[in-house]
Amino acid sequence: MFSQAVEVVAETNIFARRVDGRQVLVYSLQYSAARDLAMILPIPVPPHSPDDAVTFINLERYPEFFADMRQGFRPLTMSFMSWTSASLGTATLQVHDVGAFEASFVPGISDFGRLDERFRLPAGVWDKLPIYSDHGFAVVKLKSTGANTAPVHPMALAFPHREPGVLFFPTVHVHDGSVHPNALFDHVLYCQVAPDMYEGVVSWERSRTVASAFMDTKRATGLVDGDRLCWRRALNGRMTNTDTWVGAGGSMPQPAAD
């Protein structure tokens, strides 16, 4: 989800893993935007989580995180897709410097008023997304790129997860200030799961070997378990505009009927 006009969004990669009752997310993309804006990621934290519930992790020293992750799998050809979008009272929320980004945790929808207006979605968007009525949100501020498309180093965070035994990937699209039933995906999802969750990734591709063979686990700062396998799933083309849940009762975007 983006708070302002985005000319291009492409090559989105997301990694997820559970660690000691929390979930980590690593996220990267390429984008082009004429003005400063924010990427807004809903996250299923317990309701009424405090302002410091989310930890932001600096991966500025590991820009190759996803390039290395890809080395654990066979080559994957993805088509380049882009989207054109239209413009999208209490204590100020803490701003974290995370490498090239500034990031904040917004505990609930009503707390967006504590952010600069440039970094909020139109209020009517949330009315069409009632599933997020009790979620928190990671807000990552991105700089304008002018006419260029800018790759950025991966951004990472860890948050308390309200649902035990599942992984969450924020894959709902809001790129033009509106919520559409279908969206154009250019995503590759990666994860690590414990053996008791293997059933949830039965349709995913497994890495050739454990992560330490292709990831720099030291620079990954504990985000990746070097002794475990990784799993991959590509989402490409027009699909239902939903989030991705892996595990018991999980669900994923499906190819759109139209």
C-alpha atoms as a PDB file:
ATOM      1  CA  MET A   1       0.000   0.000   0.000  1.00  0.00           C
ATOM      2  CA  PHE A   2       1.318   3.456  -0.914  1.00  0.00           C
ATOM      3  CA  SER A   3       0.244   6.840   0.401  1.00  0.00           C
ATOM      4  CA  GLN A   4       1.027   8.870  -2.745  1.00  0.00           C
ATOM      5  CA  ALA A   5       1.270   8.415  -6.504  1.00  0.00           C
ATOM      6  CA  VAL A   6       3.619   5.625  -7.619  1.00  0.00           C
ATOM      7  CA  GLU A   7       4.662   5.388 -11.248  1.00  0.00           C
ATOM      8  CA  VAL A   8       6.330   1.953 -10.985  1.00  0.00           C
ATOM      9  CA  VAL A   9       6.331  -0.815  -8.385  1.00  0.00           C
ATOM     10  CA  ALA A  10       8.134  -3.995  -9.377  1.00  0.00           C
ATOM     11  CA  GLU A  11      10.249  -6.967  -8.318  1.00  0.00           C
ATOM     12  CA  THR A  12       8.824  -7.291  -4.831  1.00  0.00           C
ATOM     13  CA  ASN A  13      10.549  -9.873  -2.614  1.00  0.00           C
ATOM     14  CA  ILE A  14       9.360 -10.817   0.871  1.00  0.00           C
ATOM     15  CA  PHE A  15      10.936 -13.218   3.399  1.00  0.00           C
ATOM     16  CA  ALA A  16       9.172 -14.394   6.575  1.00  0.00           C
ATOM     17  CA  ARG A  17      10.129 -16.516   9.577  1.00  0.00           C
ATOM     18  CA  ARG A  18       8.940 -16.969  13.154  1.00  0.00           C
ATOM     19  CA  VAL A  19      11.498 -16.447  15.931  1.00  0.00           C
ATOM     20  CA  ASP A  20      10.645 -16.890  19.625  1.00  0.00           C
ATOM     21  CA  GLY A  21       6.960 -16.016  19.258  1.00  0.00           C
ATOM     22  CA  ARG A  22       7.600 -13.080  16.933  1.00  0.00           C
ATOM     23  CA  GLN A  23       7.589 -12.916  13.148  1.00  0.00           C
ATOM     24  CA  VAL A  24      10.280 -11.297  11.058  1.00  0.00           C
ATOM     25  CA  LEU A  25       9.620  -9.774   7.644  1.00  0.00           C
ATOM     26  CA  VAL A  26      12.236  -8.734   5.100  1.00  0.00           C
ATOM     27  CA  TYR A  27      10.887  -6.694   2.183  1.00  0.00           C
ATOM     28  CA  SER A  28      12.439  -5.254  -0.971  1.00  0.00           C
ATOM     29  CA  LEU A  29      11.128  -3.674  -4.163  1.00  0.00           C
ATOM     30  CA  GLN A  30      11.916  -1.312  -6.989  1.00  0.00           C
ATOM     31  CA  TYR A  31       9.806   1.812  -7.347  1.00  0.00           C
ATOM     32  CA  SER A  32       9.505   5.140  -9.100  1.00  0.00           C
ATOM     33  CA  ALA A  33       7.710   8.094  -7.515  1.00  0.00           C
ATOM     34  CA  ALA A  34       7.688  11.820  -8.200  1.00  0.00           C
ATOM     35  CA  ARG A  35       7.179  12.766  -4.533  1.00  0.00           C
ATOM     36  CA  ASP A  36       8.144  11.474  -1.110  1.00  0.00           C
ATOM     37  CA  LEU A  37       5.672   8.846   0.051  1.00  0.00           C
ATOM     38  CA  ALA A  38       5.186   5.961   2.448  1.00  0.00           C
ATOM     39  CA  MET A  39       4.764   2.238   2.010  1.00  0.00           C
ATOM     40  CA  ILE A  40       2.228   0.967   4.546  1.00  0.00           C
ATOM     41  CA  LEU A  41       2.395  -2.674   5.624  1.00  0.00           C
ATOM     42  CA  PRO A  42      -0.452  -4.035   7.778  1.00  0.00           C
ATOM     43  CA  ILE A  43       0.828  -6.475  10.389  1.00  0.00           C
ATOM     44  CA  PRO A  44      -1.270  -8.770  12.627  1.00  0.00           C
ATOM     45  CA  VAL A  45       0.034  -7.660  16.003  1.00  0.00           C
ATOM     46  CA  PRO A  46      -2.106  -8.260  19.107  1.00  0.00           C
ATOM     47  CA  PRO A  47      -4.769  -5.552  19.442  1.00  0.00           C
ATOM     48  CA  HIS A  48      -3.741  -2.453  21.406  1.00  0.00           C
ATOM     49  CA  SER A  49      -0.022  -3.158  21.021  1.00  0.00           C
ATOM     50  CA  PRO A  50       2.225  -0.411  22.451  1.00  0.00           C
ATOM     51  CA  ASP A  51       4.183   2.034  20.312  1.00  0.00           C
ATOM     52  CA  ASP A  52       7.397   0.033  20.793  1.00  0.00           C
ATOM     53  CA  ALA A  53       5.948  -3.380  19.849  1.00  0.00           C
ATOM     54  CA  VAL A  54       7.799  -3.503  16.512  1.00  0.00           C
ATOM     55  CA  THR A  55      11.562  -3.629  16.050  1.00  0.00           C
ATOM     56  CA  PHE A  56      13.014  -2.272  12.800  1.00  0.00           C
ATOM     57  CA  ILE A  57      16.222  -3.931  11.600  1.00  0.00           C
ATOM     58  CA  ASN A  58      18.853  -2.216   9.468  1.00  0.00           C
ATOM     59  CA  LEU A  59      19.956  -4.299   6.451  1.00  0.00           C
ATOM     60  CA  GLU A  60      21.910  -1.493   4.793  1.00  0.00           C
ATOM     61  CA  ARG A  61      25.041  -3.642   5.034  1.00  0.00           C
ATOM     62  CA  TYR A  62      23.352  -6.595   3.327  1.00  0.00           C
ATOM     63  CA  PRO A  63      21.794  -5.230   0.115  1.00  0.00           C
ATOM     64  CA  GLU A  64      22.347  -8.650  -1.513  1.00  0.00           C
ATOM     65  CA  PHE A  65      19.961 -10.390   0.897  1.00  0.00           C
ATOM     66  CA  PHE A  66      17.515 -11.487  -1.809  1.00  0.00           C
ATOM     67  CA  ALA A  67      20.177 -11.944  -4.499  1.00  0.00           C
ATOM     68  CA  ASP A  68      21.832 -14.473  -2.175  1.00  0.00           C
ATOM     69  CA  MET A  69      18.472 -16.044  -1.306  1.00  0.00           C
ATOM     70  CA  ARG A  70      17.852 -16.698  -5.004  1.00  0.00           C
ATOM     71  CA  GLN A  71      21.101 -18.673  -5.195  1.00  0.00           C
ATOM     72  CA  GLY A  72      19.512 -21.413  -3.115  1.00  0.00           C
ATOM     73  CA  PHE A  73      16.978 -22.147  -5.865  1.00  0.00           C
ATOM     74  CA  ARG A  74      16.869 -22.855  -9.578  1.00  0.00           C
ATOM     75  CA  PRO A  75      16.753 -19.753 -11.814  1.00  0.00           C
ATOM     76  CA  LEU A  76      13.327 -18.148 -11.857  1.00  0.00           C
ATOM     77  CA  THR A  77      12.218 -16.007 -14.795  1.00  0.00           C
ATOM     78  CA  MET A  78       9.820 -13.269 -13.790  1.00  0.00           C
ATOM     79  CA  SER A  79       8.154 -10.762 -16.092  1.00  0.00           C
ATOM     80  CA  PHE A  80       8.559  -7.085 -15.233  1.00  0.00           C
ATOM     81  CA  MET A  81       5.269  -5.480 -14.278  1.00  0.00           C
ATOM     82  CA  SER A  82       4.442  -1.941 -13.300  1.00  0.00           C
ATOM     83  CA  TRP A  83       1.470  -0.075 -11.952  1.00  0.00           C
ATOM     84  CA  THR A  84       0.317   3.511 -12.423  1.00  0.00           C
ATOM     85  CA  SER A  85      -1.507   5.019  -9.493  1.00  0.00           C
ATOM     86  CA  ALA A  86      -3.315   8.227  -8.623  1.00  0.00           C
ATOM     87  CA  SER A  87      -2.591  10.420  -5.615  1.00  0.00           C
ATOM     88  CA  LEU A  88      -3.410   8.847  -2.868  1.00  0.00           C
ATOM     89  CA  GLY A  89      -3.818  14.833  17.931  1.00  0.00           C
ATOM     90  CA  THR A  90      -1.839  12.877  20.089  1.00  0.00           C
ATOM     91  CA  ALA A  91       1.876  12.302  20.731  1.00  0.00           C
ATOM     92  CA  THR A  92       3.904  12.036  17.529  1.00  0.00           C
ATOM     93  CA  LEU A  93       4.925   8.493  16.669  1.00  0.00           C
ATOM     94  CA  GLN A  94       8.569   7.549  17.048  1.00  0.00           C
ATOM     95  CA  VAL A  95      10.595   7.639  13.834  1.00  0.00           C
ATOM     96  CA  HIS A  96      13.366   5.057  13.416  1.00  0.00           C
ATOM     97  CA  ASP A  97      16.362   5.549  11.128  1.00  0.00           C
ATOM     98  CA  VAL A  98      16.808   2.207   9.347  1.00  0.00           C
ATOM     99  CA  GLY A  99      19.599   2.639   6.837  1.00  0.00           C
ATOM    100  CA  ALA A 100      18.200   4.502   3.834  1.00  0.00           C
ATOM    101  CA  PHE A 101      14.707   4.617   5.381  1.00  0.00           C
ATOM    102  CA  GLU A 102      12.735   6.251   8.129  1.00  0.00           C
ATOM    103  CA  ALA A 103      10.142   3.932   9.643  1.00  0.00           C
ATOM    104  CA  SER A 104       7.395   4.117  12.249  1.00  0.00           C
ATOM    105  CA  PHE A 105       5.023   1.650  13.864  1.00  0.00           C
ATOM    106  CA  VAL A 106       1.392   2.796  13.839  1.00  0.00           C
ATOM    107  CA  PRO A 107      -0.519   0.804  16.510  1.00  0.00           C
ATOM    108  CA  GLY A 108      -3.948   1.237  14.880  1.00  0.00           C
ATOM    109  CA  ILE A 109      -5.874   3.035  12.144  1.00  0.00           C
ATOM    110  CA  SER A 110      -6.835   5.880  14.489  1.00  0.00           C
ATOM    111  CA  ASP A 111      -3.135   6.544  15.110  1.00  0.00           C
ATOM    112  CA  PHE A 112      -2.407   7.566  11.514  1.00  0.00           C
ATOM    113  CA  GLY A 113      -3.323  11.099  12.586  1.00  0.00           C
ATOM    114  CA  ARG A 114      -0.003  11.101  14.443  1.00  0.00           C
ATOM    115  CA  LEU A 115       1.859  10.937  11.105  1.00  0.00           C
ATOM    116  CA  ASP A 116       2.454  13.593   8.479  1.00  0.00           C
ATOM    117  CA  GLU A 117      -0.513  13.680   6.074  1.00  0.00           C
ATOM    118  CA  ARG A 118       1.757  12.662   3.161  1.00  0.00           C
ATOM    119  CA  PHE A 119       2.240   9.271   4.784  1.00  0.00           C
ATOM    120  CA  ARG A 120      -1.435   8.369   5.304  1.00  0.00           C
ATOM    121  CA  LEU A 121      -3.941   6.606   3.075  1.00  0.00           C
ATOM    122  CA  PRO A 122      -7.268   8.304   2.323  1.00  0.00           C
ATOM    123  CA  ALA A 123      -9.638   7.555   5.203  1.00  0.00           C
ATOM    124  CA  GLY A 124     -12.138   5.847   2.918  1.00  0.00           C
ATOM    125  CA  VAL A 125      -9.634   3.127   2.039  1.00  0.00           C
ATOM    126  CA  TRP A 126      -9.786   1.682   5.541  1.00  0.00           C
ATOM    127  CA  ASP A 127     -13.600   1.491   5.351  1.00  0.00           C
ATOM    128  CA  LYS A 128     -13.138  -0.954   2.458  1.00  0.00           C
ATOM    129  CA  LEU A 129     -10.577  -3.018   4.383  1.00  0.00           C
ATOM    130  CA  PRO A 130     -12.360  -3.885   7.644  1.00  0.00           C
ATOM    131  CA  ILE A 131     -10.029  -6.864   8.129  1.00  0.00           C
ATOM    132  CA  TYR A 132      -7.396  -4.372   9.305  1.00  0.00           C
ATOM    133  CA  SER A 133      -9.614  -2.650  11.884  1.00  0.00           C
ATOM    134  CA  ASP A 134      -7.536  -4.061  14.769  1.00  0.00           C
ATOM    135  CA  HIS A 135      -4.152  -4.409  13.016  1.00  0.00           C
ATOM    136  CA  GLY A 136      -0.997  -2.390  13.454  1.00  0.00           C
ATOM    137  CA  PHE A 137       0.984  -0.939  10.567  1.00  0.00           C
ATOM    138  CA  ALA A 138       4.641  -0.564   9.651  1.00  0.00           C
ATOM    139  CA  VAL A 139       5.071   2.714   7.758  1.00  0.00           C
ATOM    140  CA  VAL A 140       8.288   3.064   5.746  1.00  0.00           C
ATOM    141  CA  LYS A 141       9.025   6.487   4.284  1.00  0.00           C
ATOM    142  CA  LEU A 142      10.478   6.418   0.768  1.00  0.00           C
ATOM    143  CA  LYS A 143      12.127   9.291  -1.073  1.00  0.00           C
ATOM    144  CA  SER A 144      11.082  10.541  -4.474  1.00  0.00           C
ATOM    145  CA  THR A 145      13.055   9.089  -7.385  1.00  0.00           C
ATOM    146  CA  GLY A 146      12.097  11.590 -10.086  1.00  0.00           C
ATOM    147  CA  ALA A 147      11.907   9.846 -13.452  1.00  0.00           C
ATOM    148  CA  ASN A 148      14.150   6.983 -12.337  1.00  0.00           C
ATOM    149  CA  THR A 149      13.315   3.550 -10.963  1.00  0.00           C
ATOM    150  CA  ALA A 150      15.200   3.009  -7.724  1.00  0.00           C
ATOM    151  CA  PRO A 151      16.170  -0.292  -6.133  1.00  0.00           C
ATOM    152  CA  VAL A 152      16.486   0.007  -2.366  1.00  0.00           C
ATOM    153  CA  HIS A 153      18.244  -2.152   0.178  1.00  0.00           C
ATOM    154  CA  PRO A 154      15.906  -4.594   1.957  1.00  0.00           C
ATOM    155  CA  MET A 155      13.927  -3.332   4.915  1.00  0.00           C
ATOM    156  CA  ALA A 156      13.267  -5.630   7.864  1.00  0.00           C
ATOM    157  CA  LEU A 157      11.170  -5.715  11.013  1.00  0.00           C
ATOM    158  CA  ALA A 158      10.105  -8.061  13.796  1.00  0.00           C
ATOM    159  CA  PHE A 159       6.687  -7.974  15.441  1.00  0.00           C
ATOM    160  CA  PRO A 160       4.631  -9.942  17.978  1.00  0.00           C
ATOM    161  CA  HIS A 161       2.253 -12.192  16.019  1.00  0.00           C
ATOM    162  CA  ARG A 162      -1.294 -12.724  17.240  1.00  0.00           C
ATOM    163  CA  GLU A 163      -1.720 -16.068  15.430  1.00  0.00           C
ATOM    164  CA  PRO A 164       0.503 -18.951  16.596  1.00  0.00           C
ATOM    165  CA  GLY A 165       1.721 -21.392  13.975  1.00  0.00           C
ATOM    166  CA  VAL A 166       1.205 -19.220  10.867  1.00  0.00           C
ATOM    167  CA  LEU A 167       3.270 -16.813   8.781  1.00  0.00           C
ATOM    168  CA  PHE A 168       1.883 -13.578   7.353  1.00  0.00           C
ATOM    169  CA  PHE A 169       2.904 -11.849   4.105  1.00  0.00           C
ATOM    170  CA  PRO A 170       1.433  -8.372   3.373  1.00  0.00           C
ATOM    171  CA  THR A 171       0.398  -8.764  -0.278  1.00  0.00           C
ATOM    172  CA  VAL A 172      -2.759  -6.623  -0.531  1.00  0.00           C
ATOM    173  CA  HIS A 173      -2.303  -3.868  -3.140  1.00  0.00           C
ATOM    174  CA  VAL A 174      -3.483  -0.267  -2.796  1.00  0.00           C
ATOM    175  CA  HIS A 175      -1.593   1.679  -5.459  1.00  0.00           C
ATOM    176  CA  ASP A 176      -4.140   4.240  -6.675  1.00  0.00           C
ATOM    177  CA  GLY A 177      -6.045   5.219  -3.541  1.00  0.00           C
ATOM    178  CA  SER A 178      -8.690   2.545  -4.233  1.00  0.00           C
ATOM    179  CA  VAL A 179      -9.209  -1.071  -3.238  1.00  0.00           C
ATOM    180  CA  HIS A 180      -9.707  -3.390  -6.220  1.00  0.00           C
ATOM    181  CA  PRO A 181     -10.793  -7.054  -6.049  1.00  0.00           C
ATOM    182  CA  ASN A 182      -7.875  -8.119  -8.264  1.00  0.00           C
ATOM    183  CA  ALA A 183      -4.323  -6.824  -8.641  1.00  0.00           C
ATOM    184  CA  LEU A 184      -1.259  -7.342 -10.808  1.00  0.00           C
ATOM    185  CA  PHE A 185       1.396  -9.267  -8.872  1.00  0.00           C
ATOM    186  CA  ASP A 186       5.161  -9.342  -9.412  1.00  0.00           C
ATOM    187  CA  HIS A 187       6.119 -10.977  -6.108  1.00  0.00           C
ATOM    188  CA  VAL A 188       8.454 -13.713  -4.926  1.00  0.00           C
ATOM    189  CA  LEU A 189       7.789 -14.955  -1.403  1.00  0.00           C
ATOM    190  CA  TYR A 190      10.402 -16.778   0.669  1.00  0.00           C
ATOM    191  CA  CYS A 191      10.132 -18.327   4.101  1.00  0.00           C
ATOM    192  CA  GLN A 192      11.631 -20.667   6.646  1.00  0.00           C
ATOM    193  CA  VAL A 193       9.325 -22.893   8.682  1.00  0.00           C
ATOM    194  CA  ALA A 194       9.705 -25.539  11.358  1.00  0.00           C
ATOM    195  CA  PRO A 195       8.997 -29.168  10.354  1.00  0.00           C
ATOM    196  CA  ASP A 196       5.527 -29.005  11.930  1.00  0.00           C
ATOM    197  CA  MET A 197       4.616 -26.364   9.302  1.00  0.00           C
ATOM    198  CA  TYR A 198       5.890 -28.252   6.246  1.00  0.00           C
ATOM    199  CA  GLU A 199       2.315 -29.105   5.270  1.00  0.00           C
ATOM    200  CA  GLY A 200       1.677 -25.385   4.773  1.00  0.00           C
ATOM    201  CA  VAL A 201       4.449 -25.100   2.153  1.00  0.00           C
ATOM    202  CA  VAL A 202       3.778 -28.345   0.278  1.00  0.00           C
ATOM    203  CA  SER A 203       3.128 -26.370  -2.926  1.00  0.00           C
ATOM    204  CA  TRP A 204       6.237 -24.184  -2.459  1.00  0.00           C
ATOM    205  CA  GLU A 205       9.675 -24.842  -3.941  1.00  0.00           C
ATOM    206  CA  ARG A 206      12.305 -26.048  -1.446  1.00  0.00           C
ATOM    207  CA  SER A 207      15.883 -24.736  -1.505  1.00  0.00           C
ATOM    208  CA  ARG A 208      18.601 -27.104  -2.673  1.00  0.00           C
ATOM    209  CA  THR A 209      20.292 -27.056   0.736  1.00  0.00           C
ATOM    210  CA  VAL A 210      20.275 -25.237   4.069  1.00  0.00           C
ATOM    211  CA  ALA A 211      20.489 -21.449   4.146  1.00  0.00           C
ATOM    212  CA  SER A 212      24.079 -21.198   5.401  1.00  0.00           C
ATOM    213  CA  ALA A 213      25.246 -22.530   2.007  1.00  0.00           C
ATOM    214  CA  PHE A 214      23.979 -19.442   0.156  1.00  0.00           C
ATOM    215  CA  MET A 215      23.168 -16.728   2.742  1.00  0.00           C
ATOM    216  CA  ASP A 216      25.544 -14.568   4.785  1.00  0.00           C
ATOM    217  CA  THR A 217      23.884 -15.356   8.094  1.00  0.00           C
ATOM    218  CA  LYS A 218      26.125 -12.922   9.984  1.00  0.00           C
ATOM    219  CA  ARG A 219      25.027  -9.934   7.905  1.00  0.00           C
ATOM    220  CA  ALA A 220      21.442 -11.236   8.060  1.00  0.00           C
ATOM    221  CA  THR A 221      21.585 -10.430  11.806  1.00  0.00           C
ATOM    222  CA  GLY A 222      19.586 -13.451  12.968  1.00  0.00           C
ATOM    223  CA  LEU A 223      16.791 -13.072  10.430  1.00  0.00           C
ATOM    224  CA  VAL A 224      17.734 -16.339   8.685  1.00  0.00           C
ATOM    225  CA  ASP A 225      18.407 -19.695  10.370  1.00  0.00           C
ATOM    226  CA  GLY A 226      21.497 -21.082   8.641  1.00  0.00           C
ATOM    227  CA  ASP A 227      20.625 -24.657   9.606  1.00  0.00           C
ATOM    228  CA  ARG A 228      17.186 -24.692   7.983  1.00  0.00           C
ATOM    229  CA  LEU A 229      15.941 -24.989   4.426  1.00  0.00           C
ATOM    230  CA  CYS A 230      14.222 -22.083   2.675  1.00  0.00           C
ATOM    231  CA  TRP A 231      11.021 -22.195   0.643  1.00  0.00           C
ATOM    232  CA  ARG A 232       9.891 -20.076  -2.320  1.00  0.00           C
ATOM    233  CA  ARG A 233       6.623 -19.232  -4.045  1.00  0.00           C
ATOM    234  CA  ALA A 234       6.195 -16.841  -7.007  1.00  0.00           C
ATOM    235  CA  LEU A 235       3.017 -14.778  -7.432  1.00  0.00           C
ATOM    236  CA  ASN A 236       2.922 -13.451 -10.956  1.00  0.00           C
ATOM    237  CA  GLY A 237       0.088 -11.984 -13.019  1.00  0.00           C
ATOM    238  CA  ARG A 238      -3.442 -10.850 -12.209  1.00  0.00           C
ATOM    239  CA  MET A 239      -4.570 -12.393  -8.926  1.00  0.00           C
ATOM    240  CA  THR A 240      -7.105 -11.848  -6.162  1.00  0.00           C
ATOM    241  CA  ASN A 241      -6.101  -8.867  -4.046  1.00  0.00           C
ATOM    242  CA  THR A 242      -5.521 -10.571  -0.700  1.00  0.00           C
ATOM    243  CA  ASP A 243      -2.795 -11.118   1.868  1.00  0.00           C
ATOM    244  CA  THR A 244      -0.900 -14.403   2.144  1.00  0.00           C
ATOM    245  CA  TRP A 245      -1.093 -16.677   5.189  1.00  0.00           C
ATOM    246  CA  VAL A 246       1.023 -19.823   5.470  1.00  0.00           C
ATOM    247  CA  GLY A 247       0.125 -22.521   7.993  1.00  0.00           C
ATOM    248  CA  ALA A 248      -3.032 -23.986   9.486  1.00  0.00           C
ATOM    249  CA  GLY A 249      -6.020 -22.430   7.723  1.00  0.00           C
ATOM    250  CA  GLY A 250      -3.718 -20.420   5.489  1.00  0.00           C
ATOM    251  CA  SER A 251      -4.702 -18.780   2.205  1.00  0.00           C
ATOM    252  CA  MET A 252      -3.012 -17.176  -0.784  1.00  0.00           C
ATOM    253  CA  PRO A 253      -3.938 -14.904  -3.706  1.00  0.00           C
ATOM    254  CA  GLN A 254      -5.430 -16.952  -6.542  1.00  0.00           C
ATOM    255  CA  PRO A 255      -5.418 -16.378 -10.324  1.00  0.00           C
ATOM    256  CA  ALA A 256      -8.149 -13.884 -11.153  1.00  0.00           C
ATOM    257  CA  ALA A 257     -11.145 -15.078 -13.153  1.00  0.00           C
ATOM    258  CA  ASP A 258     -11.074 -12.066 -15.518  1.00  0.00           C
END
